[in-house]
């Protein structure tokens, strides 16, 4: 049986009083996405190295070297910024892992925010160690970024904190989980009048339950058993039905 996902779904209230749901991604899926992206950037670097060798034969060693270094600089910065802004916050690595970069308000990342979060990437990569110390480099590389992710509530690296951005699972992935959970559940009115806080509790449970294991869902609705008149799995279904009814009403 697959291990249940860690629940990172968060409800964020905007200045206008509107609530949005985001599921921040932790360091591990982000690391895999970065690895894929760096491999692709490496392919570009190899192509530019070959170009440098060609330009060195035609224009001289210094002109070829300078041109290639400029291309490497543009490639490294442009890769992340262009994909984040023009491809809905998704580099190829993030798309493969089902992730995207958004503002903490849920809005798309713009040029300014993308530039800032990537500008601080060098700070996240610290400490930068001598390349020949590979065994130490594997431990120290991106230490500041990982440490920042582990101590912030939304798993934000330093660049995310500066640019007010967050890496989240795609909305499509989240909605698929909610849809699967709600299959076969018919909305039903609550058995009694509920306060606004109680109504919000039922609605939020119906939204977040897709990210919990079955045992966790049953644990969450256990206090509602006397109110709903059922226990265990049936109590979960009844709570989902009430939450769906309240959301649609």
C-alpha atoms as a PDB file:
ATOM      1  CA  UNK A   1       0.000   0.000   0.000  1.00  0.00           C
ATOM      2  CA  UNK A   2       1.356   3.432  -0.929  1.00  0.00           C
ATOM      3  CA  UNK A   3       2.240   5.751   1.904  1.00  0.00           C
ATOM      4  CA  UNK A   4      -0.260   8.597   2.328  1.00  0.00           C
ATOM      5  CA  UNK A   5       0.942  12.051   1.309  1.00  0.00           C
ATOM      6  CA  UNK A   6       1.950  14.547   3.923  1.00  0.00           C
ATOM      7  CA  UNK A   7      -0.876  17.064   4.256  1.00  0.00           C
ATOM      8  CA  UNK A   8       0.493  20.492   3.365  1.00  0.00           C
ATOM      9  CA  UNK A   9      -2.763  22.016   2.143  1.00  0.00           C
ATOM     10  CA  UNK A  10      -3.101  25.544   3.528  1.00  0.00           C
ATOM     11  CA  UNK A  11      -5.962  27.993   3.494  1.00  0.00           C
ATOM     12  CA  UNK A  12      -4.766  31.563   2.860  1.00  0.00           C
ATOM     13  CA  UNK A  13      -7.019  34.556   3.410  1.00  0.00           C
ATOM     14  CA  UNK A  14      -6.317  37.482   1.100  1.00  0.00           C
ATOM     15  CA  UNK A  15      -6.754  41.145   1.949  1.00  0.00           C
ATOM     16  CA  UNK A  16     -10.142  41.108   0.199  1.00  0.00           C
ATOM     17  CA  UNK A  17     -11.370  38.426   2.604  1.00  0.00           C
ATOM     18  CA  UNK A  18     -11.237  35.715  -0.071  1.00  0.00           C
ATOM     19  CA  UNK A  19      -9.812  32.342   0.947  1.00  0.00           C
ATOM     20  CA  UNK A  20      -7.666  30.263  -1.427  1.00  0.00           C
ATOM     21  CA  UNK A  21      -6.190  26.791  -1.005  1.00  0.00           C
ATOM     22  CA  UNK A  22      -2.534  26.067  -1.794  1.00  0.00           C
ATOM     23  CA  UNK A  23      -0.497  22.930  -1.210  1.00  0.00           C
ATOM     24  CA  UNK A  24       3.181  23.927  -0.825  1.00  0.00           C
ATOM     25  CA  UNK A  25       5.739  21.389  -2.033  1.00  0.00           C
ATOM     26  CA  UNK A  26       8.462  20.187   0.318  1.00  0.00           C
ATOM     27  CA  UNK A  27      12.240  20.062  -0.296  1.00  0.00           C
ATOM     28  CA  UNK A  28      12.338  16.543  -1.805  1.00  0.00           C
ATOM     29  CA  UNK A  29      10.058  17.020  -4.859  1.00  0.00           C
ATOM     30  CA  UNK A  30      11.633  20.424  -5.406  1.00  0.00           C
ATOM     31  CA  UNK A  31      15.093  18.827  -5.342  1.00  0.00           C
ATOM     32  CA  UNK A  32      14.083  16.299  -8.004  1.00  0.00           C
ATOM     33  CA  UNK A  33      12.650  19.095 -10.142  1.00  0.00           C
ATOM     34  CA  UNK A  34      15.868  21.102  -9.769  1.00  0.00           C
ATOM     35  CA  UNK A  35      17.950  18.061 -10.714  1.00  0.00           C
ATOM     36  CA  UNK A  36      16.003  17.656 -13.967  1.00  0.00           C
ATOM     37  CA  UNK A  37      16.351  21.367 -14.729  1.00  0.00           C
ATOM     38  CA  UNK A  38      20.076  21.402 -14.016  1.00  0.00           C
ATOM     39  CA  UNK A  39      20.581  18.415 -16.318  1.00  0.00           C
ATOM     40  CA  UNK A  40      18.819  20.319 -19.099  1.00  0.00           C
ATOM     41  CA  UNK A  41      20.866  23.441 -18.373  1.00  0.00           C
ATOM     42  CA  UNK A  42      23.965  21.244 -18.523  1.00  0.00           C
ATOM     43  CA  UNK A  43      23.006  20.149 -22.032  1.00  0.00           C
ATOM     44  CA  UNK A  44      22.807  23.820 -23.052  1.00  0.00           C
ATOM     45  CA  UNK A  45      26.207  24.444 -21.448  1.00  0.00           C
ATOM     46  CA  UNK A  46      27.780  21.612 -23.453  1.00  0.00           C
ATOM     47  CA  UNK A  47      26.338  23.038 -26.664  1.00  0.00           C
ATOM     48  CA  UNK A  48      27.753  26.455 -25.761  1.00  0.00           C
ATOM     49  CA  UNK A  49      31.156  24.894 -25.031  1.00  0.00           C
ATOM     50  CA  UNK A  50      31.191  23.428 -28.505  1.00  0.00           C
ATOM     51  CA  UNK A  51      30.202  26.832 -29.863  1.00  0.00           C
ATOM     52  CA  UNK A  52      33.100  28.391 -27.944  1.00  0.00           C
ATOM     53  CA  UNK A  53      35.533  26.009 -29.588  1.00  0.00           C
ATOM     54  CA  UNK A  54      34.141  26.944 -33.001  1.00  0.00           C
ATOM     55  CA  UNK A  55      34.227  30.687 -32.294  1.00  0.00           C
ATOM     56  CA  UNK A  56      37.782  30.399 -30.974  1.00  0.00           C
ATOM     57  CA  UNK A  57      38.908  29.079 -34.326  1.00  0.00           C
ATOM     58  CA  UNK A  58      37.171  31.890 -36.207  1.00  0.00           C
ATOM     59  CA  UNK A  59      37.356  34.917 -33.885  1.00  0.00           C
ATOM     60  CA  UNK A  60      40.234  34.100 -31.555  1.00  0.00           C
ATOM     61  CA  UNK A  61      40.407  32.423 -28.165  1.00  0.00           C
ATOM     62  CA  UNK A  62      39.543  35.470 -26.050  1.00  0.00           C
ATOM     63  CA  UNK A  63      36.579  36.560 -28.149  1.00  0.00           C
ATOM     64  CA  UNK A  64      35.241  32.994 -28.233  1.00  0.00           C
ATOM     65  CA  UNK A  65      35.697  32.587 -24.489  1.00  0.00           C
ATOM     66  CA  UNK A  66      34.016  35.912 -23.700  1.00  0.00           C
ATOM     67  CA  UNK A  67      31.075  35.166 -25.974  1.00  0.00           C
ATOM     68  CA  UNK A  68      30.588  31.721 -24.471  1.00  0.00           C
ATOM     69  CA  UNK A  69      30.713  33.022 -20.893  1.00  0.00           C
ATOM     70  CA  UNK A  70      28.063  35.582 -21.798  1.00  0.00           C
ATOM     71  CA  UNK A  71      25.886  32.844 -23.307  1.00  0.00           C
ATOM     72  CA  UNK A  72      26.329  30.680 -20.192  1.00  0.00           C
ATOM     73  CA  UNK A  73      25.265  33.591 -17.989  1.00  0.00           C
ATOM     74  CA  UNK A  74      22.196  34.329 -20.120  1.00  0.00           C
ATOM     75  CA  UNK A  75      21.260  30.644 -20.306  1.00  0.00           C
ATOM     76  CA  UNK A  76      21.459  30.055 -16.564  1.00  0.00           C
ATOM     77  CA  UNK A  77      19.362  33.099 -15.685  1.00  0.00           C
ATOM     78  CA  UNK A  78      17.082  33.027 -18.679  1.00  0.00           C
ATOM     79  CA  UNK A  79      16.166  29.347 -18.337  1.00  0.00           C
ATOM     80  CA  UNK A  80      14.415  29.716 -14.981  1.00  0.00           C
ATOM     81  CA  UNK A  81      13.022  33.214 -15.481  1.00  0.00           C
ATOM     82  CA  UNK A  82      11.565  32.620 -18.944  1.00  0.00           C
ATOM     83  CA  UNK A  83       9.950  29.312 -18.006  1.00  0.00           C
ATOM     84  CA  UNK A  84       8.496  30.657 -14.753  1.00  0.00           C
ATOM     85  CA  UNK A  85       6.962  33.715 -16.411  1.00  0.00           C
ATOM     86  CA  UNK A  86       5.974  32.361 -19.826  1.00  0.00           C
ATOM     87  CA  UNK A  87       5.070  28.768 -18.880  1.00  0.00           C
ATOM     88  CA  UNK A  88       2.747  29.405 -15.944  1.00  0.00           C
ATOM     89  CA  UNK A  89       5.414  29.006 -13.275  1.00  0.00           C
ATOM     90  CA  UNK A  90       6.633  25.629 -14.539  1.00  0.00           C
ATOM     91  CA  UNK A  91      10.128  24.736 -15.681  1.00  0.00           C
ATOM     92  CA  UNK A  92      10.395  21.291 -17.329  1.00  0.00           C
ATOM     93  CA  UNK A  93      11.537  19.829 -14.013  1.00  0.00           C
ATOM     94  CA  UNK A  94       8.645  21.339 -12.067  1.00  0.00           C
ATOM     95  CA  UNK A  95       6.162  20.211 -14.713  1.00  0.00           C
ATOM     96  CA  UNK A  96       7.486  16.661 -14.471  1.00  0.00           C
ATOM     97  CA  UNK A  97       6.996  16.720 -10.694  1.00  0.00           C
ATOM     98  CA  UNK A  98       3.572  18.401 -10.878  1.00  0.00           C
ATOM     99  CA  UNK A  99       4.808  21.671  -9.329  1.00  0.00           C
ATOM    100  CA  UNK A 100       4.612  25.353 -10.191  1.00  0.00           C
ATOM    101  CA  UNK A 101       5.769  28.685  -8.760  1.00  0.00           C
ATOM    102  CA  UNK A 102       3.096  31.185  -7.704  1.00  0.00           C
ATOM    103  CA  UNK A 103       2.865  34.281  -5.552  1.00  0.00           C
ATOM    104  CA  UNK A 104       1.732  33.611  -1.999  1.00  0.00           C
ATOM    105  CA  UNK A 105      -1.579  35.179  -3.034  1.00  0.00           C
ATOM    106  CA  UNK A 106      -2.011  32.431  -5.647  1.00  0.00           C
ATOM    107  CA  UNK A 107      -1.318  34.803  -8.559  1.00  0.00           C
ATOM    108  CA  UNK A 108       1.002  33.993 -11.437  1.00  0.00           C
ATOM    109  CA  UNK A 109       4.661  34.924 -11.094  1.00  0.00           C
ATOM    110  CA  UNK A 110       5.650  38.090 -12.963  1.00  0.00           C
ATOM    111  CA  UNK A 111       8.994  39.265 -14.289  1.00  0.00           C
ATOM    112  CA  UNK A 112       9.945  41.136 -11.125  1.00  0.00           C
ATOM    113  CA  UNK A 113       9.179  38.291  -8.717  1.00  0.00           C
ATOM    114  CA  UNK A 114      10.883  35.697 -10.918  1.00  0.00           C
ATOM    115  CA  UNK A 115      13.975  37.864 -11.270  1.00  0.00           C
ATOM    116  CA  UNK A 116      14.207  38.369  -7.503  1.00  0.00           C
ATOM    117  CA  UNK A 117      13.768  34.693  -6.558  1.00  0.00           C
ATOM    118  CA  UNK A 118      16.409  33.648  -9.072  1.00  0.00           C
ATOM    119  CA  UNK A 119      18.759  36.483  -8.130  1.00  0.00           C
ATOM    120  CA  UNK A 120      18.857  35.122  -4.568  1.00  0.00           C
ATOM    121  CA  UNK A 121      19.443  31.576  -5.856  1.00  0.00           C
ATOM    122  CA  UNK A 122      23.174  32.060  -5.315  1.00  0.00           C
ATOM    123  CA  UNK A 123      22.436  32.696  -1.643  1.00  0.00           C
ATOM    124  CA  UNK A 124      20.403  29.481  -1.466  1.00  0.00           C
ATOM    125  CA  UNK A 125      23.284  27.584  -3.058  1.00  0.00           C
ATOM    126  CA  UNK A 126      25.707  28.578  -0.306  1.00  0.00           C
ATOM    127  CA  UNK A 127      28.073  27.397   0.917  1.00  0.00           C
ATOM    128  CA  UNK A 128      29.772  27.085  -2.470  1.00  0.00           C
ATOM    129  CA  UNK A 129      32.742  24.795  -1.955  1.00  0.00           C
ATOM    130  CA  UNK A 130      35.750  24.022  -4.178  1.00  0.00           C
ATOM    131  CA  UNK A 131      34.651  21.862  -7.093  1.00  0.00           C
ATOM    132  CA  UNK A 132      37.275  19.210  -6.418  1.00  0.00           C
ATOM    133  CA  UNK A 133      35.814  18.471  -2.972  1.00  0.00           C
ATOM    134  CA  UNK A 134      32.905  16.542  -4.489  1.00  0.00           C
ATOM    135  CA  UNK A 135      32.120  14.511  -1.385  1.00  0.00           C
ATOM    136  CA  UNK A 136      31.802  17.723   0.648  1.00  0.00           C
ATOM    137  CA  UNK A 137      30.002  19.543  -2.167  1.00  0.00           C
ATOM    138  CA  UNK A 138      27.222  16.933  -2.172  1.00  0.00           C
ATOM    139  CA  UNK A 139      26.495  17.772   1.482  1.00  0.00           C
ATOM    140  CA  UNK A 140      27.039  21.532   1.437  1.00  0.00           C
ATOM    141  CA  UNK A 141      25.502  22.473  -1.907  1.00  0.00           C
ATOM    142  CA  UNK A 142      22.189  24.326  -1.496  1.00  0.00           C
ATOM    143  CA  UNK A 143      22.457  24.028   2.288  1.00  0.00           C
ATOM    144  CA  UNK A 144      20.979  27.479   2.969  1.00  0.00           C
ATOM    145  CA  UNK A 145      18.055  26.860   0.615  1.00  0.00           C
ATOM    146  CA  UNK A 146      17.195  23.493   2.166  1.00  0.00           C
ATOM    147  CA  UNK A 147      17.537  24.873   5.677  1.00  0.00           C
ATOM    148  CA  UNK A 148      15.176  27.732   4.820  1.00  0.00           C
ATOM    149  CA  UNK A 149      12.621  25.285   3.386  1.00  0.00           C
ATOM    150  CA  UNK A 150      12.687  23.190   6.546  1.00  0.00           C
ATOM    151  CA  UNK A 151      12.099  26.075   8.960  1.00  0.00           C
ATOM    152  CA  UNK A 152       9.393  27.976   7.049  1.00  0.00           C
ATOM    153  CA  UNK A 153       5.717  27.021   7.115  1.00  0.00           C
ATOM    154  CA  UNK A 154       5.364  27.093   3.323  1.00  0.00           C
ATOM    155  CA  UNK A 155       8.733  25.447   2.531  1.00  0.00           C
ATOM    156  CA  UNK A 156      10.119  28.691   1.085  1.00  0.00           C
ATOM    157  CA  UNK A 157      13.781  29.045   0.217  1.00  0.00           C
ATOM    158  CA  UNK A 158      15.511  32.402   0.627  1.00  0.00           C
ATOM    159  CA  UNK A 159      14.578  33.462  -2.901  1.00  0.00           C
ATOM    160  CA  UNK A 160      10.913  32.677  -2.232  1.00  0.00           C
ATOM    161  CA  UNK A 161      10.932  34.750   0.953  1.00  0.00           C
ATOM    162  CA  UNK A 162      12.435  37.744  -0.846  1.00  0.00           C
ATOM    163  CA  UNK A 163      10.099  37.508  -3.865  1.00  0.00           C
ATOM    164  CA  UNK A 164       6.993  36.490  -1.855  1.00  0.00           C
ATOM    165  CA  UNK A 165       6.588  33.300  -3.880  1.00  0.00           C
ATOM    166  CA  UNK A 166       5.926  29.653  -3.061  1.00  0.00           C
ATOM    167  CA  UNK A 167       6.270  26.381  -4.969  1.00  0.00           C
ATOM    168  CA  UNK A 168       3.005  24.434  -4.878  1.00  0.00           C
ATOM    169  CA  UNK A 169       1.499  21.306  -6.348  1.00  0.00           C
ATOM    170  CA  UNK A 170      -0.503  22.098  -9.452  1.00  0.00           C
ATOM    171  CA  UNK A 171      -4.170  22.895  -9.021  1.00  0.00           C
ATOM    172  CA  UNK A 172      -5.053  20.125 -11.493  1.00  0.00           C
ATOM    173  CA  UNK A 173      -3.363  17.491  -9.302  1.00  0.00           C
ATOM    174  CA  UNK A 174      -5.239  18.755  -6.263  1.00  0.00           C
ATOM    175  CA  UNK A 175      -8.597  18.821  -8.022  1.00  0.00           C
ATOM    176  CA  UNK A 176      -8.125  15.264  -9.286  1.00  0.00           C
ATOM    177  CA  UNK A 177      -7.708  14.062  -5.709  1.00  0.00           C
ATOM    178  CA  UNK A 178     -10.818  15.942  -4.582  1.00  0.00           C
ATOM    179  CA  UNK A 179     -12.823  14.540  -7.504  1.00  0.00           C
ATOM    180  CA  UNK A 180     -11.824  10.957  -6.740  1.00  0.00           C
ATOM    181  CA  UNK A 181     -12.734  11.411  -3.090  1.00  0.00           C
ATOM    182  CA  UNK A 182     -16.182  12.822  -3.875  1.00  0.00           C
ATOM    183  CA  UNK A 183     -17.181  10.110  -6.333  1.00  0.00           C
ATOM    184  CA  UNK A 184     -20.340   8.384  -5.117  1.00  0.00           C
ATOM    185  CA  UNK A 185     -20.977  10.942  -2.350  1.00  0.00           C
ATOM    186  CA  UNK A 186     -24.352  12.695  -2.563  1.00  0.00           C
ATOM    187  CA  UNK A 187     -24.579  16.152  -0.938  1.00  0.00           C
ATOM    188  CA  UNK A 188     -26.794  16.102   2.157  1.00  0.00           C
ATOM    189  CA  UNK A 189     -28.059  18.846   4.461  1.00  0.00           C
ATOM    190  CA  UNK A 190     -26.683  18.911   8.016  1.00  0.00           C
ATOM    191  CA  UNK A 191     -28.933  17.291  10.655  1.00  0.00           C
ATOM    192  CA  UNK A 192     -29.140  20.539  12.639  1.00  0.00           C
ATOM    193  CA  UNK A 193     -28.464  24.260  12.375  1.00  0.00           C
ATOM    194  CA  UNK A 194     -24.728  24.984  12.313  1.00  0.00           C
ATOM    195  CA  UNK A 195     -22.803  28.091  13.252  1.00  0.00           C
ATOM    196  CA  UNK A 196     -20.633  29.780  10.632  1.00  0.00           C
ATOM    197  CA  UNK A 197     -17.515  28.262  12.200  1.00  0.00           C
ATOM    198  CA  UNK A 198     -19.050  24.772  12.116  1.00  0.00           C
ATOM    199  CA  UNK A 199     -20.082  25.239   8.495  1.00  0.00           C
ATOM    200  CA  UNK A 200     -16.539  26.298   7.546  1.00  0.00           C
ATOM    201  CA  UNK A 201     -15.170  23.231   9.384  1.00  0.00           C
ATOM    202  CA  UNK A 202     -17.314  20.884   7.259  1.00  0.00           C
ATOM    203  CA  UNK A 203     -16.417  22.721   4.029  1.00  0.00           C
ATOM    204  CA  UNK A 204     -12.696  22.691   4.780  1.00  0.00           C
ATOM    205  CA  UNK A 205     -12.847  18.999   5.650  1.00  0.00           C
ATOM    206  CA  UNK A 206     -14.420  18.215   2.267  1.00  0.00           C
ATOM    207  CA  UNK A 207     -11.658  20.224   0.554  1.00  0.00           C
ATOM    208  CA  UNK A 208      -8.702  18.830   2.481  1.00  0.00           C
ATOM    209  CA  UNK A 209      -9.714  15.201   3.033  1.00  0.00           C
ATOM    210  CA  UNK A 210      -8.248  14.092  -0.316  1.00  0.00           C
ATOM    211  CA  UNK A 211      -4.730  14.665   1.068  1.00  0.00           C
ATOM    212  CA  UNK A 212      -5.260  12.528   4.198  1.00  0.00           C
ATOM    213  CA  UNK A 213      -5.081   8.786   4.723  1.00  0.00           C
ATOM    214  CA  UNK A 214      -8.305   6.892   5.544  1.00  0.00           C
ATOM    215  CA  UNK A 215      -7.318   6.503   9.182  1.00  0.00           C
ATOM    216  CA  UNK A 216      -6.573  10.221   9.468  1.00  0.00           C
ATOM    217  CA  UNK A 217      -9.986  11.129   7.984  1.00  0.00           C
ATOM    218  CA  UNK A 218     -11.749   8.837  10.450  1.00  0.00           C
ATOM    219  CA  UNK A 219      -9.772  10.363  13.308  1.00  0.00           C
ATOM    220  CA  UNK A 220     -10.748  13.874  12.223  1.00  0.00           C
ATOM    221  CA  UNK A 221     -14.493  13.152  12.090  1.00  0.00           C
ATOM    222  CA  UNK A 222     -14.637  10.986  15.240  1.00  0.00           C
ATOM    223  CA  UNK A 223     -15.922  13.912  17.422  1.00  0.00           C
ATOM    224  CA  UNK A 224     -18.806  14.318  14.933  1.00  0.00           C
ATOM    225  CA  UNK A 225     -20.072  10.754  15.375  1.00  0.00           C
ATOM    226  CA  UNK A 226     -22.756  11.669  17.983  1.00  0.00           C
ATOM    227  CA  UNK A 227     -23.976  14.522  15.760  1.00  0.00           C
ATOM    228  CA  UNK A 228     -24.067  12.527  12.502  1.00  0.00           C
ATOM    229  CA  UNK A 229     -25.248   9.276  14.076  1.00  0.00           C
ATOM    230  CA  UNK A 230     -22.630   7.066  12.370  1.00  0.00           C
ATOM    231  CA  UNK A 231     -19.005   6.104  12.974  1.00  0.00           C
ATOM    232  CA  UNK A 232     -15.875   5.190  11.066  1.00  0.00           C
ATOM    233  CA  UNK A 233     -16.012   5.213   7.287  1.00  0.00           C
ATOM    234  CA  UNK A 234     -19.713   6.086   7.235  1.00  0.00           C
ATOM    235  CA  UNK A 235     -19.021   9.130   9.380  1.00  0.00           C
ATOM    236  CA  UNK A 236     -16.392  10.275   6.862  1.00  0.00           C
ATOM    237  CA  UNK A 237     -18.861   9.904   3.985  1.00  0.00           C
ATOM    238  CA  UNK A 238     -21.571  11.763   5.903  1.00  0.00           C
ATOM    239  CA  UNK A 239     -19.193  14.612   6.779  1.00  0.00           C
ATOM    240  CA  UNK A 240     -18.158  14.875   3.123  1.00  0.00           C
ATOM    241  CA  UNK A 241     -21.811  14.964   2.077  1.00  0.00           C
ATOM    242  CA  UNK A 242     -22.572  17.789   4.505  1.00  0.00           C
ATOM    243  CA  UNK A 243     -19.477  19.733   3.410  1.00  0.00           C
ATOM    244  CA  UNK A 244     -20.421  19.380  -0.259  1.00  0.00           C
ATOM    245  CA  UNK A 245     -23.998  20.484   0.452  1.00  0.00           C
ATOM    246  CA  UNK A 246     -22.827  23.558   2.364  1.00  0.00           C
ATOM    247  CA  UNK A 247     -20.361  24.485  -0.378  1.00  0.00           C
ATOM    248  CA  UNK A 248     -22.971  24.189  -3.118  1.00  0.00           C
ATOM    249  CA  UNK A 249     -25.794  25.890  -1.219  1.00  0.00           C
END
